[in-house]
Amino acid sequence: MYFDKDSRLGNDKCWVDGQIKQSQKINDYHLFNPYKTNVPECTENEQKLRDFMVENKKSYREGYGFANACHIDNDSSMRADPKTITHGKCKNQLSSRLFQAVPDLAHGGFESLLESRLTQGQTTGKHKSCENNSEKTFDVMTPMIPCLKKEVQNTEHIVPTKWVRGGEHTRDHINQKDFLEANGYVFDEKVWKKREC
């Protein structure tokens, strides 16, 4: 036995090279960056990245967020450059056509300012279904029109207060007349009076 040399089977050069190769594959799998940020300066070919994704069934993604490191400047200029964007960051609600299944049956041309005021309108709904009506006055005096005022205030057109649904029943009036006549009362064109002997 040699004390100054490796004599075990695990120290064989072929076996050690195999272990390093297998460990290197595990290391590559765990430490590989699946984002395109590992491509230096956006000049190298992405074949290594593509091959790794095909072999290991990982999701291929271009950088963090919306774009990778190679195209982030282009993405920023498309989003924020005032020369390229056509409108600001305000939300535009695009209204759908009024007649969707047939050709446009609307009249005239499209006026965006007027159309937006018509379609959006103003809210008329109430916040509560039953609002508090206490401490509110409802005695609003509305003057009558002259012809109605003349008819209502005339005493000939005022209905007596004792009328029930338009007056007494005819049958009740006849029964009262018969009762009063049987008990000695006489009607003198205005009121019933006791007959004097």
Protein backbone atom coordinates (compact mmCIF):
# COMPACT_ATOMS: atom_id res chain seq x y z
CA MET A 1 0.00 0.00 0.00
CA TYR A 2 1.06 3.46 -0.84
CA PHE A 3 0.43 6.08 1.76
CA ASP A 4 1.24 8.97 -0.55
CA LYS A 5 -1.18 7.93 -3.39
CA ASP A 6 -4.92 7.37 -3.62
CA SER A 7 -5.61 3.66 -3.81
CA ARG A 8 -9.38 3.51 -3.23
CA LEU A 9 -11.84 2.74 -6.03
CA GLY A 10 -13.59 6.08 -5.37
CA ASN A 11 -10.36 7.89 -6.14
CA ASP A 12 -10.06 6.45 -9.64
CA LYS A 13 -9.71 9.23 -12.25
CA CYS A 14 -12.53 7.90 -14.45
CA TRP A 15 -14.89 7.58 -11.50
CA VAL A 16 -14.05 11.08 -10.20
CA ASP A 17 -14.63 12.61 -13.66
CA GLY A 18 -18.04 10.89 -13.84
CA GLN A 19 -19.04 12.24 -10.42
CA ILE A 20 -18.01 15.77 -11.37
CA LYS A 21 -19.96 15.58 -14.63
CA GLN A 22 -23.13 14.39 -12.85
CA SER A 23 -22.77 17.01 -10.14
CA GLN A 24 -22.22 19.68 -12.78
CA LYS A 25 -25.57 18.80 -14.46
CA ILE A 26 -27.41 19.13 -11.14
CA ASN A 27 -25.60 22.39 -10.50
CA ASP A 28 -26.53 23.72 -13.96
CA TYR A 29 -30.17 22.75 -13.44
CA HIS A 30 -30.50 24.52 -10.08
CA LEU A 31 -28.41 27.58 -10.84
CA PHE A 32 -29.41 28.22 -14.44
CA ASN A 33 -31.17 31.55 -14.92
CA PRO A 34 -34.31 30.94 -17.01
CA TYR A 35 -34.56 34.64 -17.84
CA LYS A 36 -32.77 36.18 -20.77
CA THR A 37 -30.63 38.28 -18.47
CA ASN A 38 -27.91 35.61 -18.73
CA VAL A 39 -27.23 36.53 -22.38
CA PRO A 40 -24.32 39.00 -22.14
CA GLU A 41 -24.93 42.36 -23.84
CA CYS A 42 -27.69 40.89 -26.04
CA THR A 43 -25.16 39.79 -28.65
CA GLU A 44 -24.70 36.08 -28.04
CA ASN A 45 -26.96 33.47 -29.51
CA GLU A 46 -29.78 32.21 -27.29
CA GLN A 47 -29.33 28.61 -28.37
CA LYS A 48 -28.01 27.56 -24.96
CA LEU A 49 -31.10 28.96 -23.30
CA ARG A 50 -33.43 27.29 -25.81
CA ASP A 51 -31.72 23.92 -25.42
CA PHE A 52 -31.93 24.10 -21.66
CA MET A 53 -35.65 24.86 -21.77
CA VAL A 54 -36.35 21.97 -24.15
CA GLU A 55 -34.41 19.47 -22.04
CA ASN A 56 -35.71 20.50 -18.62
CA LYS A 57 -39.33 21.51 -19.34
CA LYS A 58 -39.11 24.89 -17.70
CA SER A 59 -41.12 27.91 -18.69
CA TYR A 60 -39.21 30.23 -20.99
CA ARG A 61 -39.56 33.83 -19.95
CA GLU A 62 -37.98 36.97 -21.27
CA GLY A 63 -36.72 38.87 -18.26
CA TYR A 64 -38.62 40.34 -15.34
CA GLY A 65 -41.88 42.17 -15.93
CA PHE A 66 -42.89 42.97 -19.49
CA ALA A 67 -39.60 42.75 -21.38
CA ASN A 68 -36.12 41.31 -21.07
CA ALA A 69 -32.93 43.28 -20.51
CA CYS A 70 -32.23 43.47 -24.23
CA HIS A 71 -35.53 45.16 -25.11
CA ILE A 72 -36.32 47.17 -21.98
CA ASP A 73 -35.33 50.48 -23.60
CA ASN A 74 -37.65 49.85 -26.54
CA ASP A 75 -40.47 48.94 -24.15
CA SER A 76 -39.96 52.09 -22.07
CA SER A 77 -39.94 54.34 -25.13
CA MET A 78 -43.18 52.76 -26.39
CA ARG A 79 -44.84 53.32 -23.02
CA ALA A 80 -43.61 56.78 -22.06
CA ASP A 81 -42.33 58.62 -25.14
CA PRO A 82 -44.73 61.49 -25.92
CA LYS A 83 -43.82 61.30 -29.62
CA THR A 84 -45.06 57.73 -30.02
CA ILE A 85 -48.11 57.47 -27.73
CA THR A 86 -51.36 58.80 -29.14
CA HIS A 87 -53.13 59.60 -25.87
CA GLY A 88 -52.31 60.00 -22.20
CA LYS A 89 -52.74 57.50 -19.40
CA CYS A 90 -56.40 58.37 -18.89
CA LYS A 91 -58.90 55.54 -19.20
CA ASN A 92 -61.02 55.65 -22.34
CA GLN A 93 -64.26 53.74 -22.22
CA LEU A 94 -65.02 52.65 -25.75
CA SER A 95 -68.75 52.35 -26.27
CA SER A 96 -70.01 49.49 -28.37
CA ARG A 97 -72.17 50.00 -31.43
CA LEU A 98 -75.87 50.49 -30.86
CA PHE A 99 -76.83 47.99 -33.56
CA GLN A 100 -74.26 45.20 -33.30
CA ALA A 101 -75.72 42.41 -35.42
CA VAL A 102 -76.73 44.49 -38.44
CA PRO A 103 -75.17 47.33 -40.43
CA ASP A 104 -75.11 50.66 -38.65
CA LEU A 105 -78.66 52.06 -38.56
CA ALA A 106 -77.76 55.23 -36.69
CA HIS A 107 -78.34 58.56 -38.38
CA GLY A 108 -75.59 60.97 -39.35
CA GLY A 109 -71.93 60.97 -38.43
CA PHE A 110 -70.32 60.27 -35.09
CA GLU A 111 -69.71 63.26 -32.82
CA SER A 112 -67.53 62.05 -29.97
CA LEU A 113 -68.09 64.93 -27.53
CA LEU A 114 -71.86 64.91 -27.84
CA GLU A 115 -72.02 61.11 -27.91
CA SER A 116 -69.99 60.77 -24.71
CA ARG A 117 -72.32 63.15 -22.86
CA LEU A 118 -75.39 61.28 -24.08
CA THR A 119 -74.18 57.76 -23.31
CA GLN A 120 -72.77 58.52 -19.87
CA GLY A 121 -75.35 61.03 -18.64
CA GLN A 122 -75.83 61.86 -14.99
CA THR A 123 -76.70 59.56 -12.12
CA THR A 124 -80.25 60.06 -10.87
CA GLY A 125 -80.42 57.19 -8.40
CA LYS A 126 -80.78 57.75 -4.67
CA HIS A 127 -78.38 56.33 -2.13
CA LYS A 128 -81.14 55.12 0.19
CA SER A 129 -84.31 53.36 -0.87
CA CYS A 130 -86.27 55.00 1.97
CA GLU A 131 -85.11 58.48 2.88
CA ASN A 132 -85.82 60.25 6.14
CA ASN A 133 -88.77 62.63 5.66
CA SER A 134 -88.95 63.98 9.21
CA GLU A 135 -88.47 67.71 9.77
CA LYS A 136 -89.45 68.49 6.20
CA THR A 137 -92.38 70.69 5.20
CA PHE A 138 -94.67 69.53 2.42
CA ASP A 139 -97.33 72.29 2.56
CA VAL A 140 -96.56 73.86 -0.77
CA MET A 141 -99.24 76.36 -1.80
CA THR A 142 -99.90 76.16 -5.52
CA PRO A 143 -102.28 78.84 -6.81
CA MET A 144 -105.25 77.61 -8.84
CA ILE A 145 -105.99 78.60 -12.39
CA PRO A 146 -108.66 81.36 -12.54
CA CYS A 147 -111.53 79.30 -13.99
CA LEU A 148 -111.08 76.55 -11.37
CA LYS A 149 -110.75 79.07 -8.56
CA LYS A 150 -114.06 80.72 -9.53
CA GLU A 151 -115.95 77.40 -9.56
CA VAL A 152 -114.52 75.93 -6.36
CA GLN A 153 -115.08 79.02 -4.17
CA ASN A 154 -118.72 79.43 -5.24
CA THR A 155 -121.05 78.15 -2.51
CA GLU A 156 -123.33 76.52 -5.07
CA HIS A 157 -120.56 74.09 -6.01
CA ILE A 158 -119.44 73.19 -2.47
CA VAL A 159 -120.53 69.70 -1.42
CA PRO A 160 -121.96 69.40 2.14
CA THR A 161 -119.67 67.68 4.63
CA LYS A 162 -122.21 65.03 5.68
CA TRP A 163 -122.42 63.54 2.22
CA VAL A 164 -121.02 60.04 2.11
CA ARG A 165 -119.69 59.16 -1.34
CA GLY A 166 -121.87 61.76 -3.01
CA GLY A 167 -124.95 61.93 -0.73
CA GLU A 168 -127.56 59.91 1.10
CA HIS A 169 -129.27 56.85 -0.30
CA THR A 170 -132.69 57.41 -1.80
CA ARG A 171 -134.14 54.47 0.11
CA ASP A 172 -132.88 55.89 3.42
CA HIS A 173 -134.36 59.29 2.62
CA ILE A 174 -137.78 57.74 1.87
CA ASN A 175 -137.67 55.67 5.08
CA GLN A 176 -136.89 58.78 7.14
CA LYS A 177 -139.74 60.68 5.47
CA ASP A 178 -142.21 57.88 6.23
CA PHE A 179 -140.98 57.66 9.85
CA LEU A 180 -141.32 61.42 10.44
CA GLU A 181 -144.78 61.61 8.86
CA ALA A 182 -145.95 58.66 10.99
CA ASN A 183 -144.77 60.43 14.15
CA GLY A 184 -146.49 63.75 13.42
CA TYR A 185 -143.84 65.81 11.60
CA VAL A 186 -144.50 68.06 8.60
CA PHE A 187 -141.94 69.25 5.98
CA ASP A 188 -142.26 72.98 5.16
CA GLU A 189 -139.89 73.19 2.16
CA LYS A 190 -136.80 73.54 4.40
CA VAL A 191 -137.02 71.54 7.63
CA TRP A 192 -139.23 68.97 9.34
CA LYS A 193 -141.41 70.47 12.11
CA LYS A 194 -143.72 68.91 14.68
CA ARG A 195 -147.32 69.29 13.62
CA GLU A 196 -149.23 71.60 15.90
CA CYS A 197 -152.61 70.47 17.11
